[in-house]
Amino acid sequence: FEAMLTADFKTAYNPSIIAPFYVGALTSMFVGLFLAVRLFKTTKPEGVVAGFSAMFTNTVLVGIPIIQRAYGAPAMSVVYSIITFHSTLLITGGMLIMELARREGASLSKTILIAALRVFKNPLLWGIGLGIAGNLTGLKLIEPAQAFVDMMSAAVLPAALFGLGGALNEYKLSENWLQSLVMSLFKLVVHPLIAWVLIVPVLHVDPAIARYGVMLAAMPTGINAYVFATYYNRNINVAANSVLISTVLSVLTISFWLTFLG
């Protein structure tokens, strides 16, 4: 809510950068799902969690500070234009795919209705939606309300990281590490590679601007992959390990992308 309320929606949006970012993300999701089911013999719902881990980017904790440090203020308008849609599109899409994957013979119309109800009741999406509505209507919170929101938003990331640490302690790295490694490589290599191919060789965007979107795609798996897995209680170990493995490996892969992109 706090992020959407304060986002700058007047920033110039470049579809030639935003669209390839999400094409790469969704491609990683579906290929990751396919490999999890066919190669690692998971159920379809477990495969959705694996694919989500290959798709969802750590845009805030890792992406913003690294890109800001590397390229400075000019990069941030592009970065924020992508982040604006990130949770809304990918969490909603992931939930719809999950409901379709676990429909278990239910009719398509019933499955879509259940998915819509789950999306509607998801507190993450309520926060995003209310924040966007407040932004567009020029909502200004009174000081006590703003202080409350600021303190709550400041507590979210440490609490989520603490929960992730507990999950990593419960689900050892030795469990499904290969599946997590594959999903991590999709996140760190395949996603930014697809974004770069579409943005530069195909759409001919100036590489000096294109690199902002590619670098964001090169960030490791975000903690919402773990939140998504716990919400459905499926493949939590793969999601938690994907966050860990991709974050560690990103020291190498992000260094490569920074060198490659200039």
Protein backbone atom coordinates (compact mmCIF):
# COMPACT_ATOMS: atom_id res chain seq x y z
CA PHE A 1 0.00 0.00 0.00
CA GLU A 2 2.74 2.45 0.98
CA ALA A 3 4.77 1.76 -2.17
CA MET A 4 1.78 2.22 -4.50
CA LEU A 5 0.53 5.29 -2.63
CA THR A 6 3.84 7.10 -3.15
CA ALA A 7 4.70 5.77 -6.66
CA ASP A 8 5.20 8.34 -9.41
CA PHE A 9 2.66 7.27 -12.05
CA LYS A 10 3.45 10.38 -14.10
CA THR A 11 6.85 8.98 -15.03
CA ALA A 12 7.22 8.21 -18.74
CA TYR A 13 6.50 4.53 -19.37
CA ASN A 14 8.36 2.76 -22.15
CA PRO A 15 6.40 -0.31 -23.37
CA SER A 16 9.47 -1.48 -25.30
CA ILE A 17 11.21 -2.08 -21.97
CA ILE A 18 8.27 -3.01 -19.74
CA ALA A 19 6.72 -5.63 -22.06
CA PRO A 20 9.96 -7.63 -22.65
CA PHE A 21 10.58 -7.72 -18.90
CA TYR A 22 7.24 -9.43 -18.35
CA VAL A 23 7.52 -11.66 -21.41
CA GLY A 24 10.79 -12.97 -19.95
CA ALA A 25 9.22 -13.40 -16.52
CA LEU A 26 6.20 -15.33 -17.81
CA THR A 27 8.35 -17.47 -20.08
CA SER A 28 10.48 -18.44 -17.08
CA MET A 29 7.29 -19.23 -15.16
CA PHE A 30 5.80 -21.57 -17.75
CA VAL A 31 9.06 -23.33 -18.69
CA GLY A 32 9.92 -23.70 -15.01
CA LEU A 33 6.47 -25.20 -14.36
CA PHE A 34 6.90 -27.59 -17.29
CA LEU A 35 10.34 -28.75 -16.13
CA ALA A 36 9.19 -29.18 -12.53
CA VAL A 37 6.31 -31.44 -13.60
CA ARG A 38 8.07 -33.38 -16.35
CA LEU A 39 11.68 -33.50 -15.15
CA PHE A 40 11.30 -33.42 -11.37
CA LYS A 41 7.96 -35.27 -11.28
CA THR A 42 6.13 -32.76 -9.09
CA THR A 43 2.39 -32.24 -9.03
CA LYS A 44 1.05 -29.36 -11.12
CA PRO A 45 0.40 -27.09 -8.10
CA GLU A 46 3.95 -27.75 -6.89
CA GLY A 47 5.15 -26.98 -10.39
CA VAL A 48 3.36 -23.61 -10.28
CA VAL A 49 5.30 -22.69 -7.13
CA ALA A 50 8.56 -23.73 -8.81
CA GLY A 51 7.69 -21.66 -11.87
CA PHE A 52 6.74 -18.71 -9.67
CA SER A 53 10.19 -18.96 -8.07
CA ALA A 54 11.73 -18.73 -11.54
CA MET A 55 9.62 -15.67 -12.36
CA PHE A 56 9.31 -13.34 -9.36
CA THR A 57 12.09 -10.75 -9.02
CA ASN A 58 13.64 -9.20 -5.94
CA THR A 59 13.01 -5.68 -7.20
CA VAL A 60 13.29 -3.76 -3.92
CA LEU A 61 15.86 -5.31 -1.57
CA VAL A 62 18.40 -6.03 -4.31
CA GLY A 63 17.24 -4.41 -7.57
CA ILE A 64 16.79 -0.78 -6.53
CA PRO A 65 20.05 -0.32 -4.59
CA ILE A 66 22.22 -2.09 -7.17
CA ILE A 67 20.77 -0.32 -10.21
CA GLN A 68 20.79 3.05 -8.45
CA ARG A 69 24.43 2.52 -7.50
CA ALA A 70 25.38 1.34 -11.00
CA TYR A 71 23.51 3.83 -13.18
CA GLY A 72 22.34 6.64 -10.92
CA ALA A 73 19.08 8.60 -10.86
CA PRO A 74 18.33 8.40 -14.64
CA ALA A 75 17.71 4.65 -14.32
CA MET A 76 15.15 4.89 -11.56
CA SER A 77 12.18 6.13 -13.60
CA VAL A 78 12.45 3.02 -15.80
CA VAL A 79 12.89 0.77 -12.78
CA TYR A 80 9.86 2.20 -10.97
CA SER A 81 7.73 1.98 -14.13
CA ILE A 82 8.35 -1.80 -14.14
CA ILE A 83 7.94 -2.23 -10.37
CA THR A 84 4.55 -0.47 -10.48
CA PHE A 85 2.99 -3.52 -12.20
CA HIS A 86 5.25 -6.20 -10.74
CA SER A 87 3.37 -7.58 -7.73
CA THR A 88 -0.06 -6.85 -9.18
CA LEU A 89 0.45 -8.73 -12.44
CA LEU A 90 2.64 -11.60 -11.27
CA ILE A 91 0.88 -12.46 -8.00
CA THR A 92 -2.54 -12.27 -9.66
CA GLY A 93 -1.31 -14.32 -12.61
CA GLY A 94 0.34 -16.86 -10.33
CA MET A 95 -2.85 -17.30 -8.32
CA LEU A 96 -4.96 -17.80 -11.45
CA ILE A 97 -2.51 -20.40 -12.79
CA MET A 98 -2.45 -22.15 -9.41
CA GLU A 99 -6.24 -22.41 -9.27
CA LEU A 100 -6.31 -23.84 -12.81
CA ALA A 101 -3.55 -26.32 -11.89
CA ARG A 102 -5.40 -27.64 -8.87
CA ARG A 103 -8.93 -27.65 -10.29
CA GLU A 104 -9.08 -31.47 -9.96
CA GLY A 105 -11.90 -32.04 -12.42
CA ALA A 106 -13.92 -28.95 -11.52
CA SER A 107 -15.48 -27.04 -14.39
CA LEU A 108 -13.50 -24.20 -15.91
CA SER A 109 -16.14 -21.62 -14.97
CA LYS A 110 -16.15 -22.79 -11.35
CA THR A 111 -12.35 -22.75 -11.26
CA ILE A 112 -12.20 -19.20 -12.63
CA LEU A 113 -14.80 -18.09 -10.07
CA ILE A 114 -12.82 -19.64 -7.21
CA ALA A 115 -9.62 -18.06 -8.54
CA ALA A 116 -11.30 -14.66 -8.76
CA LEU A 117 -12.55 -14.96 -5.17
CA ARG A 118 -9.09 -15.95 -3.92
CA VAL A 119 -7.52 -13.04 -5.77
CA PHE A 120 -10.18 -10.70 -4.36
CA LYS A 121 -9.50 -11.89 -0.80
CA ASN A 122 -5.70 -11.76 -1.04
CA PRO A 123 -4.44 -9.04 1.35
CA LEU A 124 -1.35 -8.38 -0.80
CA LEU A 125 -3.52 -7.36 -3.73
CA TRP A 126 -5.85 -5.33 -1.49
CA GLY A 127 -2.85 -3.33 -0.36
CA ILE A 128 -1.69 -2.77 -3.93
CA GLY A 129 -5.17 -1.86 -5.19
CA LEU A 130 -5.96 0.54 -2.36
CA GLY A 131 -2.54 2.15 -2.72
CA ILE A 132 -3.07 2.74 -6.45
CA ALA A 133 -6.57 4.12 -5.79
CA GLY A 134 -5.19 6.49 -3.17
CA ASN A 135 -2.41 7.59 -5.51
CA LEU A 136 -4.76 8.33 -8.40
CA THR A 137 -7.17 10.28 -6.18
CA GLY A 138 -4.41 12.32 -4.54
CA LEU A 139 -4.97 10.84 -1.08
CA LYS A 140 -2.86 12.44 1.65
CA LEU A 141 -2.85 10.54 4.95
CA ILE A 142 -3.04 12.47 8.19
CA GLU A 143 0.16 12.29 10.25
CA PRO A 144 -0.87 9.50 12.70
CA ALA A 145 -2.08 7.32 9.80
CA GLN A 146 1.07 8.01 7.78
CA ALA A 147 3.24 7.19 10.79
CA PHE A 148 1.36 3.91 11.26
CA VAL A 149 1.80 2.97 7.59
CA ASP A 150 5.49 3.89 7.67
CA MET A 151 6.16 1.78 10.76
CA MET A 152 4.22 -1.20 9.42
CA SER A 153 5.94 -1.08 6.02
CA ALA A 154 9.33 -0.82 7.75
CA ALA A 155 8.51 -3.97 9.76
CA VAL A 156 7.36 -6.06 6.80
CA LEU A 157 10.69 -6.90 5.18
CA PRO A 158 12.58 -7.86 8.38
CA ALA A 159 9.63 -9.99 9.50
CA ALA A 160 9.40 -11.70 6.10
CA LEU A 161 13.15 -12.35 6.07
CA PHE A 162 12.91 -13.81 9.59
CA GLY A 163 10.12 -16.12 8.39
CA LEU A 164 12.21 -17.11 5.38
CA GLY A 165 15.13 -17.92 7.68
CA GLY A 166 12.87 -20.18 9.72
CA ALA A 167 11.74 -21.94 6.55
CA LEU A 168 15.33 -22.41 5.37
CA ASN A 169 16.10 -23.99 8.75
CA GLU A 170 13.13 -26.35 8.44
CA TYR A 171 13.64 -27.23 4.76
CA LYS A 172 17.30 -28.11 4.37
CA LEU A 173 19.20 -27.05 1.26
CA SER A 174 19.82 -30.72 0.52
CA GLU A 175 16.09 -31.15 -0.17
CA ASN A 176 15.25 -30.46 -3.82
CA TRP A 177 18.39 -28.37 -4.26
CA LEU A 178 18.66 -29.34 -7.94
CA GLN A 179 15.12 -28.16 -8.71
CA SER A 180 15.82 -24.91 -6.84
CA LEU A 181 19.08 -24.46 -8.74
CA VAL A 182 17.31 -24.85 -12.10
CA MET A 183 14.67 -22.29 -11.13
CA SER A 184 17.39 -19.94 -9.91
CA LEU A 185 19.22 -20.17 -13.25
CA PHE A 186 16.01 -19.33 -15.09
CA LYS A 187 15.63 -16.28 -12.87
CA LEU A 188 19.24 -15.12 -13.14
CA VAL A 189 20.06 -16.05 -16.74
CA VAL A 190 17.01 -16.86 -18.87
CA HIS A 191 14.79 -13.98 -17.72
CA PRO A 192 17.35 -11.20 -18.39
CA LEU A 193 18.52 -12.89 -21.60
CA ILE A 194 14.99 -12.90 -23.04
CA ALA A 195 14.53 -9.29 -21.94
CA TRP A 196 17.80 -8.22 -23.59
CA VAL A 197 17.07 -10.03 -26.88
CA LEU A 198 13.60 -8.48 -27.15
CA ILE A 199 14.60 -4.98 -26.04
CA VAL A 200 17.83 -4.48 -28.00
CA PRO A 201 18.11 -6.71 -31.12
CA VAL A 202 14.33 -6.96 -31.75
CA LEU A 203 12.90 -3.59 -30.63
CA HIS A 204 16.13 -1.59 -31.12
CA VAL A 205 15.91 0.34 -27.86
CA ASP A 206 18.99 2.40 -27.03
CA PRO A 207 21.26 0.01 -25.04
CA ALA A 208 22.06 2.81 -22.58
CA ILE A 209 18.37 2.82 -21.56
CA ALA A 210 17.61 -0.85 -22.23
CA ARG A 211 20.15 -1.98 -19.64
CA TYR A 212 17.98 -0.63 -16.81
CA GLY A 213 15.20 -3.09 -17.62
CA VAL A 214 17.60 -5.96 -18.31
CA MET A 215 19.43 -5.42 -15.02
CA LEU A 216 16.16 -5.50 -13.09
CA ALA A 217 15.30 -8.80 -14.78
CA ALA A 218 18.70 -10.16 -13.70
CA MET A 219 17.95 -9.81 -9.99
CA PRO A 220 17.42 -12.95 -7.85
CA THR A 221 14.15 -14.50 -6.74
CA GLY A 222 12.08 -12.24 -4.49
CA ILE A 223 10.74 -13.19 -1.09
CA ASN A 224 7.15 -13.20 -2.40
CA ALA A 225 7.94 -16.58 -3.97
CA TYR A 226 8.21 -17.92 -0.42
CA VAL A 227 5.04 -16.03 0.62
CA PHE A 228 3.21 -17.50 -2.41
CA ALA A 229 4.35 -21.02 -1.53
CA THR A 230 3.27 -20.74 2.10
CA TYR A 231 -0.08 -19.26 1.06
CA TYR A 232 -0.84 -22.47 -0.84
CA ASN A 233 1.35 -24.75 1.34
CA ARG A 234 3.01 -26.26 -1.72
CA ASN A 235 6.73 -26.73 -2.50
CA ILE A 236 7.79 -24.36 0.28
CA ASN A 237 11.28 -25.88 0.39
CA VAL A 238 11.83 -25.20 -3.32
CA ALA A 239 10.68 -21.59 -3.00
CA ALA A 240 12.80 -20.93 0.09
CA ASN A 241 15.88 -22.58 -1.40
CA SER A 242 15.38 -20.71 -4.69
CA VAL A 243 15.52 -17.41 -2.81
CA LEU A 244 18.72 -18.53 -1.06
CA ILE A 245 20.49 -20.07 -4.08
CA SER A 246 19.58 -17.31 -6.53
CA THR A 247 20.66 -14.60 -4.08
CA VAL A 248 24.05 -16.23 -3.53
CA LEU A 249 24.62 -16.93 -7.24
CA SER A 250 23.51 -13.40 -8.15
CA VAL A 251 26.85 -12.11 -6.84
CA LEU A 252 28.37 -13.70 -9.96
CA THR A 253 25.55 -13.26 -12.47
CA ILE A 254 24.82 -9.63 -11.62
CA SER A 255 28.54 -8.89 -11.96
CA PHE A 256 28.43 -10.50 -15.42
CA TRP A 257 25.40 -8.48 -16.53
CA LEU A 258 26.91 -5.24 -15.23
CA THR A 259 30.06 -5.95 -17.25
CA PHE A 260 28.17 -7.06 -20.36
CA LEU A 261 25.76 -4.12 -20.36
CA GLY A 262 28.44 -1.53 -19.55
